[in-house]
Amino acid sequence: MMKKFKGNERILHHKLPTRLFHWCLVLSFLPAGFTGLILFFRPLGDAGMNLAMQVHIVGGMVLFIACALFFLLCPGRVIAFWREITTWTDDDYAWMKISGGYIHKLLLLEYEVPPMNKLNSGQKMMGVMVLVGTILLILTGLVLYIALPLVPKEIAFYADRIHLVVGIFLFMCIVGGHIPLGIYNWPEFCSMFGDGTINARYAQEHHPLWTKHEIKETK
């Protein structure tokens, strides 16, 4: 039976390693993404383009180090995340059919959102794209920055194309979708970038399967 909450209890939604890793992603990927667009469109002079390149490299290296440390130090969290984003049920497909109800809410239409676990279906899809896309960006980035003189021109060409296409696609998805929706769901945004806790009633409404099976009270 699902637990009923009385008031403003706080429950742990994101542990400290996950929150720190998310901060590292924001502080590395966004500067790398913005400067990547600058490097592609080349709107600046030589000095500006050189600065953009340096920021892009630093952002990429911070992203690489953060991912490597998280994979090495928190393998359990990585495995749990992989299982979460790759486990899809009928509720997930039903959630995708109505886009989580966001469009229905905007148009003032009636809708019913299927019960979700800790991550909703949109977050699962975004998680798959970020995981696969980040791995591709890191690998191709290392080829272009470190191994460029050592690899055949064909490999360098395809590494450059993959880095460009995946980078632009992932950047647009994050800036145009993930961040705005994250801010829209303000309690969850504050949980990820704050103390990791979330109001129990809010969690019970938006993540009923999670509060039923995996809840952990902290306050």
Protein backbone atom coordinates (compact mmCIF):
# COMPACT_ATOMS: atom_id res chain seq x y z
CA MET A 1 0.00 0.00 0.00
CA MET A 2 1.29 3.45 -0.88
CA LYS A 3 2.32 5.55 2.07
CA LYS A 4 0.29 8.69 2.70
CA PHE A 5 2.13 11.82 3.81
CA LYS A 6 0.68 14.32 6.21
CA GLY A 7 2.48 17.56 5.45
CA ASN A 8 5.82 18.87 4.25
CA GLU A 9 8.01 15.83 4.82
CA ARG A 10 11.20 15.86 2.78
CA ILE A 11 12.51 12.72 1.11
CA LEU A 12 15.85 12.12 -0.54
CA HIS A 13 15.51 12.25 -4.32
CA HIS A 14 19.14 12.66 -5.46
CA LYS A 15 22.22 11.58 -3.52
CA LEU A 16 25.28 13.82 -3.23
CA PRO A 17 27.43 12.10 -5.92
CA THR A 18 24.61 12.43 -8.45
CA ARG A 19 24.11 16.11 -7.62
CA LEU A 20 27.83 16.88 -7.85
CA PHE A 21 28.03 15.06 -11.18
CA HIS A 22 25.08 17.04 -12.51
CA TRP A 23 26.79 20.29 -11.50
CA CYS A 24 29.93 19.16 -13.34
CA LEU A 25 27.87 18.38 -16.44
CA VAL A 26 26.32 21.85 -16.40
CA LEU A 27 29.60 23.67 -15.80
CA SER A 28 31.42 21.71 -18.51
CA PHE A 29 28.92 20.84 -21.23
CA LEU A 30 27.20 24.22 -21.52
CA PRO A 31 30.44 26.24 -22.03
CA ALA A 32 31.68 23.54 -24.44
CA GLY A 33 28.37 23.62 -26.29
CA PHE A 34 28.17 27.40 -26.62
CA THR A 35 31.78 27.66 -27.77
CA GLY A 36 31.22 24.75 -30.13
CA LEU A 37 28.57 26.79 -31.90
CA ILE A 38 30.96 29.75 -32.03
CA LEU A 39 33.64 27.55 -33.57
CA PHE A 40 31.16 26.29 -36.15
CA PHE A 41 29.69 29.65 -37.20
CA ARG A 42 32.94 31.63 -36.65
CA PRO A 43 31.36 35.02 -35.84
CA LEU A 44 34.44 36.37 -34.01
CA GLY A 45 37.89 37.56 -34.93
CA ASP A 46 41.08 35.55 -34.44
CA ALA A 47 41.45 36.45 -30.75
CA GLY A 48 37.83 35.61 -29.99
CA MET A 49 37.97 32.33 -31.90
CA ASN A 50 41.18 31.35 -30.10
CA LEU A 51 39.53 32.07 -26.73
CA ALA A 52 36.46 30.06 -27.75
CA MET A 53 38.70 27.13 -28.68
CA GLN A 54 40.48 27.24 -25.32
CA VAL A 55 37.18 27.35 -23.42
CA HIS A 56 35.86 24.49 -25.57
CA ILE A 57 38.90 22.34 -24.80
CA VAL A 58 38.77 23.07 -21.06
CA GLY A 59 35.04 22.34 -20.96
CA GLY A 60 35.58 19.07 -22.79
CA MET A 61 38.38 18.00 -20.46
CA VAL A 62 36.32 18.81 -17.37
CA LEU A 63 33.47 16.77 -18.85
CA PHE A 64 35.82 13.86 -19.54
CA ILE A 65 37.31 13.93 -16.02
CA ALA A 66 33.90 14.24 -14.35
CA CYS A 67 32.49 11.30 -16.31
CA ALA A 68 35.57 9.16 -15.71
CA LEU A 69 35.51 9.81 -11.95
CA PHE A 70 31.78 9.15 -11.69
CA PHE A 71 32.09 5.87 -13.60
CA LEU A 72 35.06 4.77 -11.46
CA LEU A 73 33.87 5.96 -8.05
CA CYS A 74 30.13 5.36 -8.36
CA PRO A 75 29.67 2.27 -10.55
CA GLY A 76 26.56 1.33 -8.63
CA ARG A 77 24.88 4.62 -9.50
CA VAL A 78 25.87 4.20 -13.16
CA ILE A 79 24.39 0.69 -13.30
CA ALA A 80 21.21 1.82 -11.54
CA PHE A 81 20.87 4.74 -13.95
CA TRP A 82 21.38 2.47 -16.96
CA ARG A 83 18.75 0.04 -15.72
CA GLU A 84 16.32 2.90 -15.08
CA ILE A 85 16.64 4.52 -18.50
CA THR A 86 16.54 1.23 -20.42
CA THR A 87 13.58 -0.29 -18.57
CA TRP A 88 10.41 0.70 -20.40
CA THR A 89 6.89 -0.40 -19.50
CA ASP A 90 3.47 0.16 -21.01
CA ASP A 91 3.16 3.22 -18.75
CA ASP A 92 6.25 4.72 -20.37
CA TYR A 93 4.85 4.31 -23.87
CA ALA A 94 1.52 5.75 -22.72
CA TRP A 95 3.40 8.71 -21.19
CA MET A 96 5.19 9.32 -24.48
CA LYS A 97 1.93 9.24 -26.44
CA ILE A 98 0.69 12.28 -24.52
CA SER A 99 4.17 13.86 -24.08
CA GLY A 100 3.74 13.75 -20.34
CA GLY A 101 0.61 15.89 -20.61
CA TYR A 102 2.58 19.10 -21.18
CA ILE A 103 0.85 19.91 -24.47
CA HIS A 104 -2.57 19.00 -23.05
CA LYS A 105 -1.98 21.30 -20.09
CA LEU A 106 -0.95 24.12 -22.42
CA LEU A 107 -4.13 23.68 -24.49
CA LEU A 108 -6.29 23.27 -21.37
CA LEU A 109 -7.29 19.74 -22.42
CA GLU A 110 -8.12 16.88 -20.09
CA TYR A 111 -5.44 14.26 -19.67
CA GLU A 112 -4.24 11.54 -17.34
CA VAL A 113 -0.53 10.95 -16.87
CA PRO A 114 0.45 7.32 -16.29
CA PRO A 115 2.22 6.61 -12.97
CA MET A 116 5.97 7.12 -13.13
CA ASN A 117 8.96 5.84 -11.22
CA LYS A 118 11.90 8.02 -10.15
CA LEU A 119 12.39 9.16 -13.76
CA ASN A 120 9.56 9.89 -16.14
CA SER A 121 9.67 8.59 -19.70
CA GLY A 122 10.99 11.86 -21.13
CA GLN A 123 13.85 11.84 -18.64
CA LYS A 124 14.61 8.24 -19.57
CA MET A 125 14.80 9.13 -23.27
CA MET A 126 16.96 12.14 -22.46
CA GLY A 127 19.17 9.96 -20.29
CA VAL A 128 19.82 7.55 -23.16
CA MET A 129 20.67 10.43 -25.51
CA VAL A 130 22.97 12.11 -22.98
CA LEU A 131 24.76 8.88 -22.09
CA VAL A 132 25.37 7.76 -25.67
CA GLY A 133 25.98 11.29 -26.95
CA THR A 134 28.46 12.17 -24.21
CA ILE A 135 30.47 9.00 -24.84
CA LEU A 136 30.63 9.82 -28.56
CA LEU A 137 31.62 13.43 -27.88
CA ILE A 138 34.39 12.42 -25.48
CA LEU A 139 35.81 9.74 -27.77
CA THR A 140 35.75 11.91 -30.90
CA GLY A 141 37.01 14.90 -28.92
CA LEU A 142 40.02 12.92 -27.71
CA VAL A 143 40.74 11.84 -31.28
CA LEU A 144 40.59 15.43 -32.53
CA TYR A 145 42.59 16.92 -29.65
CA ILE A 146 45.17 14.24 -28.81
CA ALA A 147 45.36 11.62 -31.57
CA LEU A 148 44.82 13.80 -34.65
CA PRO A 149 48.43 13.50 -35.94
CA LEU A 150 48.36 9.74 -35.42
CA VAL A 151 45.12 8.64 -37.07
CA PRO A 152 44.30 8.33 -40.79
CA LYS A 153 42.59 11.30 -42.42
CA GLU A 154 39.41 9.28 -42.92
CA ILE A 155 39.09 8.59 -39.20
CA ALA A 156 39.80 12.23 -38.40
CA PHE A 157 37.13 13.32 -40.89
CA TYR A 158 34.43 11.06 -39.48
CA ALA A 159 35.40 11.90 -35.90
CA ASP A 160 34.99 15.58 -36.76
CA ARG A 161 31.57 14.99 -38.42
CA ILE A 162 30.30 12.85 -35.53
CA HIS A 163 31.54 15.38 -32.98
CA LEU A 164 29.78 18.19 -34.84
CA VAL A 165 26.42 16.47 -35.46
CA VAL A 166 26.13 14.83 -32.04
CA GLY A 167 27.29 18.00 -30.27
CA ILE A 168 24.75 20.27 -31.98
CA PHE A 169 21.91 17.76 -31.57
CA LEU A 170 22.63 17.13 -27.89
CA PHE A 171 23.15 20.82 -27.14
CA MET A 172 19.81 21.76 -28.75
CA CYS A 173 17.99 18.98 -26.89
CA ILE A 174 19.42 20.09 -23.55
CA VAL A 175 19.06 23.84 -24.03
CA GLY A 176 15.75 23.66 -25.88
CA GLY A 177 14.08 20.90 -23.90
CA HIS A 178 15.77 19.47 -20.83
CA ILE A 179 16.67 22.75 -19.11
CA PRO A 180 13.33 24.55 -19.73
CA LEU A 181 11.33 21.52 -18.57
CA GLY A 182 13.64 21.13 -15.59
CA ILE A 183 13.01 24.73 -14.55
CA TYR A 184 9.27 24.27 -15.17
CA ASN A 185 9.34 21.37 -12.71
CA TRP A 186 10.94 23.65 -10.13
CA PRO A 187 10.83 21.32 -7.07
CA GLU A 188 12.81 18.70 -8.98
CA PHE A 189 15.23 21.33 -10.30
CA CYS A 190 15.87 22.52 -6.74
CA SER A 191 16.30 18.93 -5.60
CA MET A 192 19.00 18.22 -8.20
CA PHE A 193 20.91 21.46 -7.65
CA GLY A 194 20.14 21.84 -3.94
CA ASP A 195 20.14 19.46 -0.98
CA GLY A 196 18.72 16.53 -2.92
CA THR A 197 15.41 16.36 -1.09
CA ILE A 198 11.91 16.89 -2.44
CA ASN A 199 8.49 17.43 -0.93
CA ALA A 200 6.92 14.03 -0.26
CA ARG A 201 3.48 14.98 -1.53
CA TYR A 202 4.94 16.34 -4.75
CA ALA A 203 6.93 13.13 -5.20
CA GLN A 204 3.88 11.03 -4.48
CA GLU A 205 1.93 12.90 -7.15
CA HIS A 206 4.63 12.89 -9.87
CA HIS A 207 6.53 9.70 -8.98
CA PRO A 208 3.98 7.39 -7.32
CA LEU A 209 5.80 4.17 -8.23
CA TRP A 210 9.04 5.49 -6.73
CA THR A 211 7.44 6.68 -3.48
CA LYS A 212 5.72 3.32 -3.16
CA HIS A 213 8.76 1.10 -3.64
CA GLU A 214 11.97 3.06 -3.02
CA ILE A 215 11.16 5.90 -0.65
CA LYS A 216 13.72 7.01 1.90
CA GLU A 217 12.79 9.70 4.40
CA THR A 218 15.50 12.19 5.40
CA LYS A 219 13.68 14.95 7.26
